[in-house]
Amino acid sequence: MSIADPPSLPRTMTAEELMALPDDGIEREIIRGDLRETPTTVRNITHSGVEANIVYFLKAWLIDAGAGGKVHGGEAGFRLQRTPESLVGIDVALAPGDLVESTSPKSTYHDGAPTLAVVVRSPSDVHEKVVEKVDL
């Protein structure tokens, strides 16, 4: 290891440790206790357009139905489980009202699962990684 190499990160982390890391262009998630790192996805107007359409229709449905909750887009953070720790970003998510109410306005993620999670597949996504995340 040279002096220029960054220190290696532990493979196992808590959600709090993950969220304390700097925003350095690396996308990080914890899946079943293991830290997963991937370079940030290259900007993609097709991906963002699909996300925007889903958010639009889901938000319209939420308003029409008079249901509680909140629609999130753009890699909203959700801690899906604590043991083993799993904190993931979700492209589009519907957080139920009780989860929204129990989340501090200062928190950067919800501590619980959404009612609905949508993963918009990017050309750079690896099938097995998407399946693993969906399985959670």
Protein backbone atom coordinates (compact mmCIF):
# COMPACT_ATOMS: atom_id res chain seq x y z
CA MET A 1 0.00 0.00 0.00
CA SER A 2 1.38 3.42 -0.94
CA ILE A 3 0.93 6.62 1.02
CA ALA A 4 -1.62 7.80 -1.56
CA ASP A 5 -3.89 4.77 -1.04
CA PRO A 6 -6.88 5.47 1.22
CA PRO A 7 -7.27 3.30 4.31
CA SER A 8 -9.46 0.28 3.70
CA LEU A 9 -12.96 0.37 5.12
CA PRO A 10 -14.25 -2.40 7.35
CA ARG A 11 -16.45 -4.94 5.57
CA THR A 12 -19.07 -4.82 8.32
CA MET A 13 -20.61 -1.52 9.39
CA THR A 14 -23.59 -0.08 11.17
CA ALA A 15 -25.99 2.31 9.46
CA GLU A 16 -24.65 5.13 11.62
CA GLU A 17 -21.05 4.44 10.57
CA LEU A 18 -22.09 4.28 6.93
CA MET A 19 -23.93 7.60 7.07
CA ALA A 20 -20.91 9.25 8.74
CA LEU A 21 -18.67 8.52 5.74
CA PRO A 22 -17.89 11.44 3.41
CA ASP A 23 -19.74 11.89 0.12
CA ASP A 24 -16.86 10.93 -2.12
CA GLY A 25 -18.55 9.64 -5.27
CA ILE A 26 -18.79 6.05 -4.04
CA GLU A 27 -22.27 4.58 -3.62
CA ARG A 28 -22.39 2.54 -0.42
CA GLU A 29 -25.01 0.23 1.00
CA ILE A 30 -25.04 -2.42 3.70
CA ILE A 31 -26.54 -5.72 2.60
CA ARG A 32 -26.95 -8.34 5.34
CA GLY A 33 -24.11 -6.79 7.32
CA ASP A 34 -21.66 -6.45 4.42
CA LEU A 35 -20.52 -3.08 3.10
CA ARG A 36 -21.05 -2.82 -0.66
CA GLU A 37 -19.28 -0.10 -2.62
CA THR A 38 -19.78 0.84 -6.26
CA PRO A 39 -18.78 3.94 -8.19
CA THR A 40 -21.69 6.36 -8.51
CA THR A 41 -23.90 5.58 -11.49
CA VAL A 42 -23.19 7.66 -14.57
CA ARG A 43 -25.97 10.20 -15.11
CA ASN A 44 -28.72 8.70 -17.23
CA ILE A 45 -31.70 10.72 -18.51
CA THR A 46 -33.71 7.58 -19.31
CA HIS A 47 -33.30 6.28 -15.74
CA SER A 48 -34.19 9.64 -14.20
CA GLY A 49 -37.20 10.02 -16.53
CA VAL A 50 -38.57 6.63 -15.50
CA GLU A 51 -38.06 7.54 -11.83
CA ALA A 52 -39.82 10.89 -12.29
CA ASN A 53 -42.83 9.28 -13.99
CA ILE A 54 -43.22 6.69 -11.24
CA VAL A 55 -42.93 9.38 -8.55
CA TYR A 56 -45.51 11.53 -10.36
CA PHE A 57 -48.12 8.77 -10.62
CA LEU A 58 -47.47 7.40 -7.15
CA LYS A 59 -47.77 10.87 -5.61
CA ALA A 60 -51.03 11.48 -7.53
CA TRP A 61 -52.37 8.16 -6.23
CA LEU A 62 -51.33 9.01 -2.66
CA ILE A 63 -53.17 12.36 -2.84
CA ASP A 64 -56.26 10.85 -4.50
CA ALA A 65 -56.47 8.02 -1.99
CA GLY A 66 -55.99 10.39 0.93
CA ALA A 67 -53.52 7.87 2.28
CA GLY A 68 -50.80 8.79 4.73
CA GLY A 69 -47.17 8.43 3.89
CA LYS A 70 -44.58 10.01 1.69
CA VAL A 71 -43.19 9.31 -1.76
CA HIS A 72 -39.41 9.41 -2.09
CA GLY A 73 -37.29 9.41 -5.22
CA GLY A 74 -33.58 9.47 -5.96
CA GLU A 75 -32.01 6.79 -3.78
CA ALA A 76 -33.91 7.39 -0.56
CA GLY A 77 -32.27 5.56 2.35
CA PHE A 78 -34.07 2.80 4.24
CA ARG A 79 -32.73 0.57 7.01
CA LEU A 80 -34.51 -2.66 6.15
CA GLN A 81 -33.20 -4.69 9.07
CA ARG A 82 -30.82 -4.39 12.01
CA THR A 83 -29.53 -7.94 12.42
CA PRO A 84 -27.75 -8.31 10.17
CA GLU A 85 -27.66 -4.62 9.31
CA SER A 86 -29.12 -3.67 5.91
CA LEU A 87 -29.31 -0.06 4.74
CA VAL A 88 -30.05 0.54 1.08
CA GLY A 89 -30.91 3.31 -1.33
CA ILE A 90 -34.17 2.87 -3.23
CA ASP A 91 -34.94 4.66 -6.51
CA VAL A 92 -38.62 5.27 -5.70
CA ALA A 93 -40.26 4.36 -2.40
CA LEU A 94 -43.56 4.85 -0.62
CA ALA A 95 -42.91 5.22 3.10
CA PRO A 96 -46.00 4.47 5.22
CA GLY A 97 -47.37 7.21 7.47
CA ASP A 98 -46.26 5.60 10.74
CA LEU A 99 -42.69 5.28 9.45
CA VAL A 100 -42.67 8.92 8.31
CA GLU A 101 -44.00 10.06 11.69
CA SER A 102 -41.40 8.04 13.62
CA THR A 103 -38.49 9.39 11.55
CA SER A 104 -36.72 12.45 12.90
CA PRO A 105 -36.62 15.36 10.43
CA LYS A 106 -32.82 15.35 10.97
CA SER A 107 -32.45 11.70 9.94
CA THR A 108 -30.97 10.89 6.54
CA TYR A 109 -32.84 7.59 6.24
CA HIS A 110 -35.99 5.82 7.43
CA ASP A 111 -35.51 3.13 10.06
CA GLY A 112 -37.86 0.58 8.51
CA ALA A 113 -39.08 -0.77 5.21
CA PRO A 114 -41.23 1.11 2.69
CA THR A 115 -44.67 -0.12 1.67
CA LEU A 116 -43.53 -0.08 -1.93
CA ALA A 117 -39.99 -0.09 -3.34
CA VAL A 118 -39.16 0.43 -7.01
CA VAL A 119 -35.75 -0.35 -8.46
CA VAL A 120 -35.23 1.23 -11.88
CA ARG A 121 -32.63 -0.88 -13.60
CA SER A 122 -29.65 0.97 -15.07
CA PRO A 123 -27.41 -0.36 -17.85
CA SER A 124 -24.60 -0.59 -15.26
CA ASP A 125 -26.66 -2.69 -12.81
CA VAL A 126 -25.61 -6.28 -12.22
CA HIS A 127 -28.60 -8.64 -12.19
CA GLU A 128 -27.49 -10.58 -9.08
CA LYS A 129 -27.00 -7.39 -7.07
CA VAL A 130 -30.46 -6.11 -8.01
CA VAL A 131 -32.05 -9.47 -7.10
CA GLU A 132 -30.24 -9.53 -3.76
CA LYS A 133 -31.49 -6.04 -2.91
CA VAL A 134 -35.06 -6.85 -3.98
CA ASP A 135 -35.00 -10.01 -1.84
CA LEU A 136 -34.40 -7.88 1.26
